[in-house]
Amino acid sequence: MANFAPRQLALALDHAESFAREDFLPGPSNEAALKLIERWPDWPARVMLLVGPEGSGKSHLAAIWSQIAGARLVAARALESVNLPAMLATNALVVEDLAANRFDERALFHLLNLAREQEASMLITAREAPTGFAIMLNDLASRLRALPVVNLAAPDDALLRAVIVKQFADRQLVVDESLVAYLLTRVERSFAAVRDAVERLDSEALRQKRPVTRALAGDLFRG
């Protein structure tokens, strides 16, 4: 049964997801990506692409590497509005969420050139490899195609189960095995879907003033 009473003491607190290394859940789907992060600076190239679906752990891995390498972080969509040389001041940079038609091509090309000149390390995250992007600058398209890619795959049962438990724990909720097993059969097999399901259960439990249980999940995800 869910430990509902203590949750009442935390109603005013914002839910904060930890991006610390000790809170990253490893598994076959993210093993290659985690090894890449932890083997830095012994990378196959100074600039690497980390590709995976929403909620697959890209931001968590980027945060871990940022701590290891002293890297700054910038959103790909904000590249045209920042001081690029300043972003490379620590010789390490994370460019997050590179997406088709949502970044300034000249700014990214300039950044890649600066990184090459300074022998800086860069980690670029994206939901899909940019080889499928319609890029106007041929030199940039060629440069992006040449970047090594490490992919985050779909999670297996053990990892997905651990993620479900952690998502509840992050919200100060302890749930029983019957609820975890039920969600595994009802929720799309992705980290993003798990996160959304846990958030929905938590919100509904607070709205109805009910504990988070298998019965509540049955009411929400029946069908």
N, C-alpha and C. Protein backbone atom coordinates (compact mmCIF):
# COMPACT_ATOMS: atom_id res chain seq x y z
N MET A 1 0.85 -1.20 0.00
CA MET A 1 0.00 0.00 0.00
C MET A 1 0.88 1.24 0.00
N ALA A 2 0.43 2.27 -0.65
CA ALA A 2 1.23 3.50 -0.71
C ALA A 2 1.33 4.15 0.66
N ASN A 3 2.45 4.77 0.92
CA ASN A 3 2.67 5.52 2.16
C ASN A 3 2.12 6.93 1.94
N PHE A 4 0.81 7.08 2.15
CA PHE A 4 0.13 8.31 1.73
C PHE A 4 0.27 9.45 2.74
N ALA A 5 0.24 9.12 4.03
CA ALA A 5 0.23 10.18 5.05
C ALA A 5 1.43 11.11 4.95
N PRO A 6 2.68 10.61 4.84
CA PRO A 6 3.80 11.54 4.73
C PRO A 6 3.70 12.47 3.53
N ARG A 7 3.03 12.02 2.47
CA ARG A 7 2.89 12.84 1.26
C ARG A 7 2.15 14.13 1.57
N GLN A 8 1.25 14.05 2.59
CA GLN A 8 0.50 15.25 2.94
C GLN A 8 1.42 16.36 3.44
N LEU A 9 2.56 16.01 4.04
CA LEU A 9 3.49 17.00 4.55
C LEU A 9 4.28 17.67 3.45
N ALA A 10 4.23 17.10 2.24
CA ALA A 10 5.06 17.61 1.15
C ALA A 10 4.26 18.28 0.06
N LEU A 11 3.00 18.58 0.34
CA LEU A 11 2.14 19.12 -0.71
C LEU A 11 2.64 20.46 -1.25
N ALA A 12 3.31 21.24 -0.44
CA ALA A 12 3.75 22.57 -0.87
C ALA A 12 5.10 22.54 -1.58
N LEU A 13 5.74 21.38 -1.63
CA LEU A 13 7.06 21.29 -2.22
C LEU A 13 6.97 20.97 -3.70
N ASP A 14 7.84 21.60 -4.48
CA ASP A 14 7.91 21.28 -5.90
C ASP A 14 8.63 19.96 -6.09
N HIS A 15 8.17 19.17 -7.08
CA HIS A 15 8.85 17.94 -7.43
C HIS A 15 10.11 18.27 -8.21
N ALA A 16 11.26 17.82 -7.71
CA ALA A 16 12.53 18.10 -8.36
C ALA A 16 13.23 16.78 -8.71
N GLU A 17 13.53 16.61 -9.98
CA GLU A 17 14.22 15.41 -10.43
C GLU A 17 15.72 15.61 -10.28
N SER A 18 16.37 14.64 -9.65
CA SER A 18 17.81 14.74 -9.42
C SER A 18 18.57 14.27 -10.65
N PHE A 19 19.58 15.06 -11.06
CA PHE A 19 20.45 14.69 -12.17
C PHE A 19 21.84 14.27 -11.67
N ALA A 20 21.93 13.87 -10.40
CA ALA A 20 23.20 13.42 -9.86
C ALA A 20 23.57 12.05 -10.44
N ARG A 21 24.86 11.76 -10.47
CA ARG A 21 25.33 10.47 -11.01
C ARG A 21 24.72 9.30 -10.25
N GLU A 22 24.63 9.41 -8.93
CA GLU A 22 24.13 8.29 -8.14
C GLU A 22 22.64 8.02 -8.38
N ASP A 23 21.94 8.96 -8.99
CA ASP A 23 20.52 8.77 -9.27
C ASP A 23 20.26 8.32 -10.71
N PHE A 24 21.33 8.11 -11.48
CA PHE A 24 21.14 7.62 -12.84
C PHE A 24 21.00 6.10 -12.80
N LEU A 25 19.96 5.57 -13.45
CA LEU A 25 19.69 4.13 -13.44
C LEU A 25 20.27 3.49 -14.70
N PRO A 26 21.34 2.70 -14.56
CA PRO A 26 21.96 2.08 -15.74
C PRO A 26 21.23 0.83 -16.18
N GLY A 27 21.36 0.52 -17.46
CA GLY A 27 20.78 -0.69 -18.03
C GLY A 27 21.30 -0.88 -19.42
N PRO A 28 20.95 -1.99 -20.07
CA PRO A 28 21.44 -2.26 -21.43
C PRO A 28 21.13 -1.15 -22.42
N SER A 29 20.01 -0.46 -22.23
CA SER A 29 19.61 0.57 -23.19
C SER A 29 20.48 1.81 -23.15
N ASN A 30 21.11 2.08 -22.01
CA ASN A 30 21.93 3.29 -21.89
C ASN A 30 23.39 2.99 -21.55
N GLU A 31 23.76 1.71 -21.61
CA GLU A 31 25.11 1.32 -21.21
C GLU A 31 26.18 2.01 -22.04
N ALA A 32 26.00 2.02 -23.35
CA ALA A 32 27.02 2.63 -24.23
C ALA A 32 27.14 4.12 -23.97
N ALA A 33 26.00 4.79 -23.75
CA ALA A 33 26.02 6.23 -23.51
C ALA A 33 26.69 6.55 -22.18
N LEU A 34 26.40 5.78 -21.16
CA LEU A 34 27.00 6.02 -19.85
C LEU A 34 28.51 5.78 -19.90
N LYS A 35 28.94 4.75 -20.62
CA LYS A 35 30.37 4.49 -20.76
C LYS A 35 31.06 5.65 -21.47
N LEU A 36 30.40 6.20 -22.48
CA LEU A 36 30.99 7.35 -23.19
C LEU A 36 31.21 8.51 -22.23
N ILE A 37 30.19 8.82 -21.44
CA ILE A 37 30.28 9.94 -20.52
C ILE A 37 31.43 9.73 -19.52
N GLU A 38 31.52 8.53 -18.99
CA GLU A 38 32.47 8.28 -17.92
C GLU A 38 33.90 8.05 -18.41
N ARG A 39 34.06 7.81 -19.71
CA ARG A 39 35.42 7.60 -20.22
C ARG A 39 36.07 8.90 -20.70
N TRP A 40 35.31 10.01 -20.69
CA TRP A 40 35.89 11.29 -21.10
C TRP A 40 37.11 11.59 -20.25
N PRO A 41 38.18 12.14 -20.82
CA PRO A 41 38.30 12.71 -22.19
C PRO A 41 38.73 11.71 -23.26
N ASP A 42 38.72 10.43 -22.94
CA ASP A 42 39.10 9.42 -23.93
C ASP A 42 37.91 9.12 -24.85
N TRP A 43 37.58 10.08 -25.70
CA TRP A 43 36.47 9.96 -26.64
C TRP A 43 37.00 9.67 -28.05
N PRO A 44 36.20 9.02 -28.88
CA PRO A 44 36.64 8.80 -30.27
C PRO A 44 36.72 10.09 -31.08
N ALA A 45 36.05 11.14 -30.63
CA ALA A 45 36.11 12.46 -31.27
C ALA A 45 35.82 13.50 -30.20
N ARG A 46 36.26 14.73 -30.45
CA ARG A 46 36.04 15.78 -29.46
C ARG A 46 34.58 16.19 -29.38
N VAL A 47 33.84 16.04 -30.47
CA VAL A 47 32.41 16.37 -30.48
C VAL A 47 31.63 15.09 -30.70
N MET A 48 30.69 14.81 -29.80
CA MET A 48 29.89 13.59 -29.86
C MET A 48 28.40 13.93 -29.87
N LEU A 49 27.63 13.09 -30.53
CA LEU A 49 26.17 13.21 -30.55
C LEU A 49 25.55 12.13 -29.67
N LEU A 50 24.67 12.55 -28.78
CA LEU A 50 23.94 11.62 -27.92
C LEU A 50 22.47 11.68 -28.35
N VAL A 51 21.98 10.58 -28.90
CA VAL A 51 20.66 10.57 -29.54
C VAL A 51 19.73 9.58 -28.83
N GLY A 52 18.53 10.03 -28.51
CA GLY A 52 17.54 9.15 -27.90
C GLY A 52 16.21 9.85 -27.78
N PRO A 53 15.13 9.09 -27.58
CA PRO A 53 13.80 9.69 -27.49
C PRO A 53 13.63 10.53 -26.24
N GLU A 54 12.54 11.27 -26.19
CA GLU A 54 12.23 12.11 -25.04
C GLU A 54 12.22 11.27 -23.77
N GLY A 55 12.84 11.80 -22.73
CA GLY A 55 12.82 11.12 -21.44
C GLY A 55 13.73 9.92 -21.34
N SER A 56 14.63 9.73 -22.30
CA SER A 56 15.49 8.54 -22.30
C SER A 56 16.74 8.70 -21.45
N GLY A 57 16.97 9.89 -20.91
CA GLY A 57 18.12 10.10 -20.04
C GLY A 57 19.19 11.00 -20.61
N LYS A 58 18.92 11.63 -21.75
CA LYS A 58 19.94 12.49 -22.38
C LYS A 58 20.34 13.65 -21.47
N SER A 59 19.36 14.33 -20.90
CA SER A 59 19.66 15.48 -20.05
C SER A 59 20.39 15.05 -18.79
N HIS A 60 20.01 13.90 -18.25
CA HIS A 60 20.69 13.39 -17.05
C HIS A 60 22.15 13.09 -17.37
N LEU A 61 22.40 12.41 -18.48
CA LEU A 61 23.77 12.10 -18.87
C LEU A 61 24.56 13.37 -19.16
N ALA A 62 23.92 14.34 -19.80
CA ALA A 62 24.58 15.61 -20.09
C ALA A 62 24.96 16.33 -18.80
N ALA A 63 24.08 16.26 -17.79
CA ALA A 63 24.38 16.89 -16.51
C ALA A 63 25.54 16.19 -15.81
N ILE A 64 25.59 14.87 -15.91
CA ILE A 64 26.70 14.12 -15.32
C ILE A 64 28.01 14.52 -15.99
N TRP A 65 28.00 14.59 -17.33
CA TRP A 65 29.22 14.96 -18.04
C TRP A 65 29.61 16.41 -17.74
N SER A 66 28.62 17.28 -17.59
CA SER A 66 28.90 18.67 -17.26
C SER A 66 29.67 18.77 -15.95
N GLN A 67 29.30 17.93 -14.98
CA GLN A 67 30.01 17.91 -13.70
C GLN A 67 31.42 17.37 -13.86
N ILE A 68 31.56 16.31 -14.65
CA ILE A 68 32.87 15.69 -14.85
C ILE A 68 33.82 16.63 -15.58
N ALA A 69 33.33 17.25 -16.64
CA ALA A 69 34.19 18.03 -17.54
C ALA A 69 34.19 19.52 -17.25
N GLY A 70 33.34 19.97 -16.33
CA GLY A 70 33.21 21.40 -16.09
C GLY A 70 32.57 22.10 -17.27
N ALA A 71 31.66 21.42 -17.94
CA ALA A 71 31.04 21.94 -19.16
C ALA A 71 29.90 22.91 -18.85
N ARG A 72 29.80 23.92 -19.67
CA ARG A 72 28.62 24.78 -19.65
C ARG A 72 27.53 24.13 -20.49
N LEU A 73 26.29 24.61 -20.33
CA LEU A 73 25.16 24.06 -21.07
C LEU A 73 24.43 25.18 -21.80
N VAL A 74 24.01 24.89 -23.04
CA VAL A 74 23.24 25.85 -23.80
C VAL A 74 22.21 25.09 -24.64
N ALA A 75 21.01 25.63 -24.74
CA ALA A 75 19.99 25.03 -25.59
C ALA A 75 20.31 25.33 -27.05
N ALA A 76 20.16 24.35 -27.92
CA ALA A 76 20.48 24.54 -29.34
C ALA A 76 19.71 25.71 -29.93
N ARG A 77 18.47 25.87 -29.51
CA ARG A 77 17.64 26.95 -30.07
C ARG A 77 18.11 28.34 -29.65
N ALA A 78 19.02 28.41 -28.64
CA ALA A 78 19.48 29.71 -28.14
C ALA A 78 20.86 30.07 -28.64
N LEU A 79 21.43 29.30 -29.54
CA LEU A 79 22.82 29.53 -29.95
C LEU A 79 23.05 30.91 -30.55
N GLU A 80 22.07 31.41 -31.30
CA GLU A 80 22.27 32.70 -31.98
C GLU A 80 22.24 33.87 -31.01
N SER A 81 21.80 33.63 -29.78
CA SER A 81 21.65 34.74 -28.84
C SER A 81 22.67 34.72 -27.71
N VAL A 82 23.67 33.83 -27.80
CA VAL A 82 24.67 33.76 -26.73
C VAL A 82 26.06 34.09 -27.29
N ASN A 83 26.97 34.39 -26.39
CA ASN A 83 28.35 34.65 -26.75
C ASN A 83 29.06 33.31 -26.88
N LEU A 84 29.25 32.85 -28.12
CA LEU A 84 29.78 31.51 -28.34
C LEU A 84 31.19 31.33 -27.78
N PRO A 85 32.12 32.27 -27.99
CA PRO A 85 33.44 32.09 -27.38
C PRO A 85 33.37 31.96 -25.87
N ALA A 86 32.48 32.71 -25.23
CA ALA A 86 32.34 32.62 -23.78
C ALA A 86 31.80 31.26 -23.36
N MET A 87 30.91 30.68 -24.17
CA MET A 87 30.36 29.37 -23.84
C MET A 87 31.45 28.31 -23.83
N LEU A 88 32.52 28.52 -24.58
CA LEU A 88 33.62 27.56 -24.64
C LEU A 88 34.76 27.91 -23.69
N ALA A 89 34.49 28.79 -22.75
CA ALA A 89 35.54 29.25 -21.85
C ALA A 89 36.17 28.13 -21.04
N THR A 90 35.40 27.08 -20.74
CA THR A 90 35.93 25.96 -19.96
C THR A 90 36.43 24.82 -20.86
N ASN A 91 36.37 25.05 -22.18
CA ASN A 91 36.78 24.04 -23.16
C ASN A 91 35.90 22.79 -23.13
N ALA A 92 34.68 22.96 -22.65
CA ALA A 92 33.72 21.85 -22.65
C ALA A 92 32.32 22.46 -22.69
N LEU A 93 31.46 21.91 -23.55
CA LEU A 93 30.13 22.50 -23.73
C LEU A 93 29.12 21.43 -24.09
N VAL A 94 27.93 21.54 -23.48
CA VAL A 94 26.79 20.71 -23.85
C VAL A 94 25.83 21.57 -24.66
N VAL A 95 25.44 21.08 -25.85
CA VAL A 95 24.40 21.72 -26.67
C VAL A 95 23.20 20.79 -26.62
N GLU A 96 22.13 21.25 -25.98
CA GLU A 96 20.99 20.37 -25.72
C GLU A 96 19.86 20.56 -26.73
N ASP A 97 19.23 19.43 -27.04
CA ASP A 97 17.98 19.40 -27.82
C ASP A 97 18.13 19.98 -29.22
N LEU A 98 19.09 19.48 -29.95
CA LEU A 98 19.21 19.86 -31.35
C LEU A 98 18.06 19.25 -32.12
N ALA A 99 17.26 20.08 -32.77
CA ALA A 99 16.06 19.59 -33.48
C ALA A 99 15.95 20.29 -34.82
N ALA A 100 15.39 19.59 -35.79
CA ALA A 100 15.26 20.13 -37.14
C ALA A 100 14.52 21.45 -37.14
N ASN A 101 15.09 22.42 -37.86
CA ASN A 101 14.48 23.74 -38.04
C ASN A 101 14.31 24.54 -36.75
N ARG A 102 15.07 24.17 -35.71
CA ARG A 102 14.93 24.88 -34.43
C ARG A 102 16.28 25.35 -33.90
N PHE A 103 17.21 25.60 -34.80
CA PHE A 103 18.49 26.16 -34.39
C PHE A 103 19.05 27.00 -35.53
N ASP A 104 19.95 27.92 -35.17
CA ASP A 104 20.58 28.78 -36.15
C ASP A 104 21.77 28.05 -36.76
N GLU A 105 21.70 27.77 -38.06
CA GLU A 105 22.74 26.97 -38.70
C GLU A 105 24.11 27.65 -38.64
N ARG A 106 24.15 28.93 -38.91
CA ARG A 106 25.44 29.64 -38.91
C ARG A 106 26.05 29.68 -37.52
N ALA A 107 25.21 29.84 -36.50
CA ALA A 107 25.72 29.85 -35.13
C ALA A 107 26.32 28.50 -34.77
N LEU A 108 25.63 27.41 -35.13
CA LEU A 108 26.16 26.08 -34.83
C LEU A 108 27.44 25.81 -35.60
N PHE A 109 27.48 26.21 -36.87
CA PHE A 109 28.69 26.01 -37.67
C PHE A 109 29.86 26.79 -37.07
N HIS A 110 29.61 28.02 -36.66
CA HIS A 110 30.64 28.84 -36.02
C HIS A 110 31.12 28.18 -34.72
N LEU A 111 30.17 27.64 -33.96
CA LEU A 111 30.52 26.98 -32.70
C LEU A 111 31.39 25.75 -32.95
N LEU A 112 31.04 24.95 -33.94
CA LEU A 112 31.84 23.76 -34.25
C LEU A 112 33.25 24.15 -34.70
N ASN A 113 33.36 25.23 -35.45
CA ASN A 113 34.68 25.70 -35.87
C ASN A 113 35.50 26.17 -34.67
N LEU A 114 34.85 26.91 -33.77
CA LEU A 114 35.54 27.36 -32.56
C LEU A 114 36.02 26.18 -31.72
N ALA A 115 35.16 25.18 -31.59
CA ALA A 115 35.53 24.00 -30.80
C ALA A 115 36.73 23.29 -31.41
N ARG A 116 36.76 23.22 -32.72
CA ARG A 116 37.89 22.59 -33.40
C ARG A 116 39.17 23.39 -33.17
N GLU A 117 39.07 24.71 -33.30
CA GLU A 117 40.25 25.56 -33.12
C GLU A 117 40.80 25.47 -31.69
N GLN A 118 39.91 25.40 -30.73
CA GLN A 118 40.32 25.40 -29.33
C GLN A 118 40.53 23.99 -28.77
N GLU A 119 40.28 22.99 -29.62
CA GLU A 119 40.37 21.59 -29.19
C GLU A 119 39.48 21.36 -27.96
N ALA A 120 38.29 21.92 -28.04
CA ALA A 120 37.32 21.79 -26.95
C ALA A 120 36.47 20.53 -27.16
N SER A 121 35.89 20.05 -26.06
CA SER A 121 34.97 18.92 -26.12
C SER A 121 33.54 19.42 -26.12
N MET A 122 32.70 18.76 -26.95
CA MET A 122 31.29 19.12 -27.00
C MET A 122 30.43 17.87 -27.01
N LEU A 123 29.33 17.94 -26.29
CA LEU A 123 28.32 16.88 -26.30
C LEU A 123 27.02 17.50 -26.81
N ILE A 124 26.51 16.98 -27.92
CA ILE A 124 25.27 17.48 -28.50
C ILE A 124 24.19 16.43 -28.30
N THR A 125 23.06 16.82 -27.71
CA THR A 125 21.96 15.88 -27.53
C THR A 125 20.84 16.16 -28.52
N ALA A 126 20.15 15.11 -28.93
CA ALA A 126 19.06 15.25 -29.91
C ALA A 126 18.14 14.04 -29.80
N ARG A 127 16.89 14.22 -30.19
CA ARG A 127 15.96 13.10 -30.20
C ARG A 127 16.17 12.20 -31.41
N GLU A 128 16.72 12.77 -32.47
CA GLU A 128 17.03 11.98 -33.66
C GLU A 128 18.31 12.50 -34.28
N ALA A 129 19.01 11.64 -34.97
CA ALA A 129 20.27 12.03 -35.58
C ALA A 129 20.02 13.11 -36.63
N PRO A 130 20.87 14.12 -36.69
CA PRO A 130 20.66 15.23 -37.62
C PRO A 130 20.89 14.87 -39.09
N THR A 131 21.24 13.62 -39.38
CA THR A 131 21.40 13.22 -40.78
C THR A 131 20.09 13.37 -41.55
N GLY A 132 18.97 13.37 -40.82
CA GLY A 132 17.67 13.53 -41.48
C GLY A 132 17.19 14.97 -41.53
N PHE A 133 17.95 15.91 -40.99
CA PHE A 133 17.55 17.32 -41.00
C PHE A 133 17.74 17.93 -42.40
N ALA A 134 16.86 18.83 -42.75
CA ALA A 134 17.02 19.61 -43.99
C ALA A 134 17.88 20.83 -43.66
N ILE A 135 19.17 20.75 -43.93
CA ILE A 135 20.12 21.79 -43.57
C ILE A 135 20.59 22.53 -44.82
N MET A 136 20.51 23.86 -44.77
CA MET A 136 20.85 24.67 -45.93
C MET A 136 22.36 24.81 -46.13
N LEU A 137 23.11 24.91 -45.04
CA LEU A 137 24.55 25.05 -45.14
C LEU A 137 25.19 23.68 -45.39
N ASN A 138 25.73 23.51 -46.58
CA ASN A 138 26.29 22.22 -46.94
C ASN A 138 27.46 21.82 -46.04
N ASP A 139 28.29 22.78 -45.68
CA ASP A 139 29.43 22.48 -44.82
C ASP A 139 28.97 22.00 -43.44
N LEU A 140 27.91 22.60 -42.94
CA LEU A 140 27.38 22.18 -41.65
C LEU A 140 26.78 20.78 -41.75
N ALA A 141 26.03 20.53 -42.81
CA ALA A 141 25.43 19.21 -43.00
C ALA A 141 26.51 18.13 -43.03
N SER A 142 27.59 18.42 -43.75
CA SER A 142 28.70 17.47 -43.84
C SER A 142 29.35 17.25 -42.48
N ARG A 143 29.52 18.34 -41.73
CA ARG A 143 30.15 18.23 -40.42
C ARG A 143 29.29 17.40 -39.46
N LEU A 144 27.98 17.63 -39.49
CA LEU A 144 27.09 16.88 -38.60
C LEU A 144 27.03 15.40 -38.98
N ARG A 145 27.05 15.11 -40.27
CA ARG A 145 27.03 13.71 -40.70
C ARG A 145 28.27 12.95 -40.23
N ALA A 146 29.38 13.68 -40.06
CA ALA A 146 30.64 13.04 -39.68
C ALA A 146 30.76 12.80 -38.18
N LEU A 147 29.87 13.38 -37.39
CA LEU A 147 29.99 13.24 -35.95
C LEU A 147 29.62 11.83 -35.48
N PRO A 148 30.40 11.24 -34.59
CA PRO A 148 30.04 9.93 -34.03
C PRO A 148 28.76 10.04 -33.20
N VAL A 149 27.92 9.02 -33.30
CA VAL A 149 26.63 9.02 -32.60
C VAL A 149 26.58 7.86 -31.62
N VAL A 150 26.12 8.15 -30.41
CA VAL A 150 25.82 7.11 -29.42
C VAL A 150 24.32 7.17 -29.17
N ASN A 151 23.66 6.04 -29.33
CA ASN A 151 22.21 5.98 -29.23
C ASN A 151 21.75 5.42 -27.89
N LEU A 152 20.67 5.97 -27.41
CA LEU A 152 19.96 5.42 -26.25
C LEU A 152 18.81 4.59 -26.77
N ALA A 153 18.77 3.32 -26.41
CA ALA A 153 17.75 2.41 -26.93
C ALA A 153 16.55 2.35 -25.99
N ALA A 154 15.54 1.59 -26.39
CA ALA A 154 14.35 1.41 -25.55
C ALA A 154 14.73 0.62 -24.30
N PRO A 155 14.17 0.97 -23.15
CA PRO A 155 14.52 0.29 -21.90
C PRO A 155 13.97 -1.13 -21.83
N ASP A 156 14.70 -2.03 -21.15
CA ASP A 156 14.18 -3.37 -20.91
C ASP A 156 13.29 -3.35 -19.67
N ASP A 157 12.69 -4.51 -19.32
CA ASP A 157 11.74 -4.57 -18.20
C ASP A 157 12.37 -4.14 -16.88
N ALA A 158 13.59 -4.62 -16.62
CA ALA A 158 14.23 -4.33 -15.33
C ALA A 158 14.48 -2.84 -15.17
N LEU A 159 14.97 -2.20 -16.24
CA LEU A 159 15.24 -0.77 -16.15
C LEU A 159 13.95 0.03 -16.05
N LEU A 160 12.94 -0.35 -16.82
CA LEU A 160 11.67 0.37 -16.78
C LEU A 160 11.04 0.26 -15.39
N ARG A 161 11.15 -0.91 -14.80
CA ARG A 161 10.62 -1.11 -13.44
C ARG A 161 11.35 -0.19 -12.44
N ALA A 162 12.67 -0.14 -12.57
CA ALA A 162 13.45 0.71 -11.67
C ALA A 162 13.10 2.18 -11.86
N VAL A 163 12.85 2.59 -13.10
CA VAL A 163 12.49 3.98 -13.37
C VAL A 163 11.14 4.31 -12.74
N ILE A 164 10.18 3.38 -12.83
CA ILE A 164 8.87 3.61 -12.21
C ILE A 164 9.02 3.84 -10.71
N VAL A 165 9.77 2.96 -10.06
CA VAL A 165 9.97 3.08 -8.61
C VAL A 165 10.66 4.40 -8.28
N LYS A 166 11.68 4.77 -9.06
CA LYS A 166 12.41 6.02 -8.79
C LYS A 166 11.52 7.24 -8.98
N GLN A 167 10.69 7.22 -10.03
CA GLN A 167 9.81 8.37 -10.26
C GLN A 167 8.86 8.57 -9.08
N PHE A 168 8.36 7.49 -8.53
CA PHE A 168 7.51 7.62 -7.33
C PHE A 168 8.33 8.09 -6.14
N ALA A 169 9.53 7.53 -5.98
CA ALA A 169 10.38 7.91 -4.85
C ALA A 169 10.74 9.39 -4.91
N ASP A 170 10.97 9.91 -6.12
CA ASP A 170 11.28 11.33 -6.28
C ASP A 170 10.13 12.20 -5.79
N ARG A 171 8.93 11.63 -5.77
CA ARG A 171 7.75 12.36 -5.31
C ARG A 171 7.38 11.98 -3.88
N GLN A 172 8.32 11.34 -3.18
CA GLN A 172 8.12 10.94 -1.79
C GLN A 172 6.97 9.96 -1.64
N LEU A 173 6.82 9.08 -2.62
CA LEU A 173 5.79 8.06 -2.59
C LEU A 173 6.42 6.68 -2.62
N VAL A 174 5.95 5.83 -1.73
CA VAL A 174 6.37 4.42 -1.72
C VAL A 174 5.18 3.59 -2.19
N VAL A 175 5.36 2.83 -3.26
CA VAL A 175 4.25 2.07 -3.84
C VAL A 175 4.57 0.59 -3.80
N ASP A 176 3.54 -0.23 -3.87
CA ASP A 176 3.77 -1.67 -3.80
C ASP A 176 3.97 -2.28 -5.18
N GLU A 177 4.40 -3.53 -5.19
CA GLU A 177 4.78 -4.21 -6.42
C GLU A 177 3.60 -4.38 -7.38
N SER A 178 2.39 -4.52 -6.84
CA SER A 178 1.24 -4.73 -7.72
C SER A 178 1.00 -3.52 -8.62
N LEU A 179 1.24 -2.32 -8.09
CA LEU A 179 1.07 -1.12 -8.90
C LEU A 179 2.16 -1.03 -9.97
N VAL A 180 3.41 -1.32 -9.59
CA VAL A 180 4.51 -1.28 -10.54
C VAL A 180 4.27 -2.27 -11.67
N ALA A 181 3.87 -3.50 -11.32
CA ALA A 181 3.62 -4.52 -12.34
C ALA A 181 2.47 -4.12 -13.26
N TYR A 182 1.44 -3.50 -12.68
CA TYR A 182 0.31 -3.05 -13.49
C TYR A 182 0.73 -1.99 -14.50
N LEU A 183 1.50 -1.02 -14.04
CA LEU A 183 1.94 0.05 -14.94
C LEU A 183 2.80 -0.50 -16.08
N LEU A 184 3.61 -1.50 -15.78
CA LEU A 184 4.45 -2.09 -16.83
C LEU A 184 3.62 -2.66 -17.98
N THR A 185 2.41 -3.09 -17.68
CA THR A 185 1.55 -3.67 -18.72
C THR A 185 0.63 -2.65 -19.37
N ARG A 186 0.55 -1.43 -18.81
CA ARG A 186 -0.41 -0.46 -19.31
C ARG A 186 0.23 0.77 -19.95
N VAL A 187 1.47 1.05 -19.61
CA VAL A 187 2.12 2.28 -20.06
C VAL A 187 3.05 1.99 -21.23
N GLU A 188 3.08 2.91 -22.18
CA GLU A 188 4.00 2.80 -23.30
C GLU A 188 5.42 2.63 -22.78
N ARG A 189 6.21 1.80 -23.46
CA ARG A 189 7.53 1.42 -22.96
C ARG A 189 8.57 2.50 -23.29
N SER A 190 8.45 3.59 -22.58
CA SER A 190 9.42 4.68 -22.72
C SER A 190 9.52 5.42 -21.40
N PHE A 191 10.66 6.06 -21.17
CA PHE A 191 10.84 6.83 -19.95
C PHE A 191 9.85 7.99 -19.88
N ALA A 192 9.59 8.62 -21.02
CA ALA A 192 8.67 9.75 -21.05
C ALA A 192 7.27 9.32 -20.63
N ALA A 193 6.83 8.15 -21.13
CA ALA A 193 5.49 7.66 -20.79
C ALA A 193 5.39 7.32 -19.31
N VAL A 194 6.44 6.74 -18.76
CA VAL A 194 6.46 6.43 -17.33
C VAL A 194 6.36 7.70 -16.51
N ARG A 195 7.16 8.70 -16.87
CA ARG A 195 7.14 9.97 -16.14
C ARG A 195 5.75 10.59 -16.18
N ASP A 196 5.10 10.56 -17.35
CA ASP A 196 3.77 11.15 -17.49
C ASP A 196 2.74 10.37 -16.67
N ALA A 197 2.87 9.03 -16.65
CA ALA A 197 1.92 8.20 -15.91
C ALA A 197 2.03 8.45 -14.41
N VAL A 198 3.27 8.53 -13.92
CA VAL A 198 3.47 8.78 -12.49
C VAL A 198 2.95 10.17 -12.11
N GLU A 199 3.21 11.15 -12.94
CA GLU A 199 2.71 12.50 -12.67
C GLU A 199 1.18 12.52 -12.65
N ARG A 200 0.59 11.80 -13.58
CA ARG A 200 -0.88 11.76 -13.64
C ARG A 200 -1.45 11.08 -12.40
N LEU A 201 -0.83 9.96 -11.97
CA LEU A 201 -1.29 9.27 -10.78
C LEU A 201 -1.15 10.14 -9.53
N ASP A 202 -0.03 10.80 -9.41
CA ASP A 202 0.22 11.66 -8.26
C ASP A 202 -0.80 12.80 -8.20
N SER A 203 -1.03 13.44 -9.33
CA SER A 203 -1.97 14.55 -9.38
C SER A 203 -3.39 14.10 -9.06
N GLU A 204 -3.77 12.94 -9.61
CA GLU A 204 -5.13 12.43 -9.39
C GLU A 204 -5.32 12.02 -7.93
N ALA A 205 -4.28 11.43 -7.34
CA ALA A 205 -4.37 11.03 -5.94
C ALA A 205 -4.57 12.25 -5.04
N LEU A 206 -3.87 13.32 -5.33
CA LEU A 206 -4.03 14.55 -4.55
C LEU A 206 -5.41 15.16 -4.76
N ARG A 207 -5.88 15.13 -6.01
CA ARG A 207 -7.20 15.69 -6.31
C ARG A 207 -8.30 14.94 -5.59
N GLN A 208 -8.20 13.60 -5.59
CA GLN A 208 -9.25 12.77 -4.98
C GLN A 208 -8.99 12.51 -3.50
N LYS A 209 -7.83 12.95 -3.00
CA LYS A 209 -7.44 12.66 -1.62
C LYS A 209 -7.43 11.15 -1.38
N ARG A 210 -6.80 10.44 -2.34
CA ARG A 210 -6.67 8.98 -2.25
C ARG A 210 -5.19 8.61 -2.28
N PRO A 211 -4.84 7.45 -1.74
CA PRO A 211 -3.46 6.97 -1.88
C PRO A 211 -3.20 6.52 -3.31
N VAL A 212 -1.93 6.49 -3.66
CA VAL A 212 -1.54 6.00 -5.00
C VAL A 212 -1.45 4.49 -4.93
N THR A 213 -2.43 3.82 -5.50
CA THR A 213 -2.52 2.36 -5.42
C THR A 213 -2.83 1.76 -6.79
N ARG A 214 -2.81 0.46 -6.82
CA ARG A 214 -3.20 -0.30 -8.04
C ARG A 214 -4.64 0.02 -8.41
N ALA A 215 -5.49 0.21 -7.42
CA ALA A 215 -6.90 0.52 -7.70
C ALA A 215 -7.04 1.87 -8.40
N LEU A 216 -6.31 2.86 -7.94
CA LEU A 216 -6.36 4.17 -8.59
C LEU A 216 -5.82 4.08 -10.01
N ALA A 217 -4.73 3.36 -10.19
CA ALA A 217 -4.17 3.18 -11.54
C ALA A 217 -5.16 2.49 -12.45
N GLY A 218 -5.92 1.52 -11.89
CA GLY A 218 -6.93 0.85 -12.68
C GLY A 218 -8.00 1.79 -13.16
N ASP A 219 -8.40 2.73 -12.31
CA ASP A 219 -9.40 3.72 -12.69
C ASP A 219 -8.88 4.63 -13.82
N LEU A 220 -7.59 4.96 -13.78
CA LEU A 220 -7.03 5.90 -14.75
C LEU A 220 -6.62 5.27 -16.06
N PHE A 221 -6.13 4.04 -16.00
CA PHE A 221 -5.56 3.43 -17.20
C PHE A 221 -6.32 2.20 -17.68
N ARG A 222 -7.55 2.07 -17.24
CA ARG A 222 -8.37 0.93 -17.69
C ARG A 222 -8.62 1.02 -19.18
N GLY A 223 -8.58 -0.13 -19.85
CA GLY A 223 -8.90 -0.17 -21.26
C GLY A 223 -7.72 -0.59 -22.10
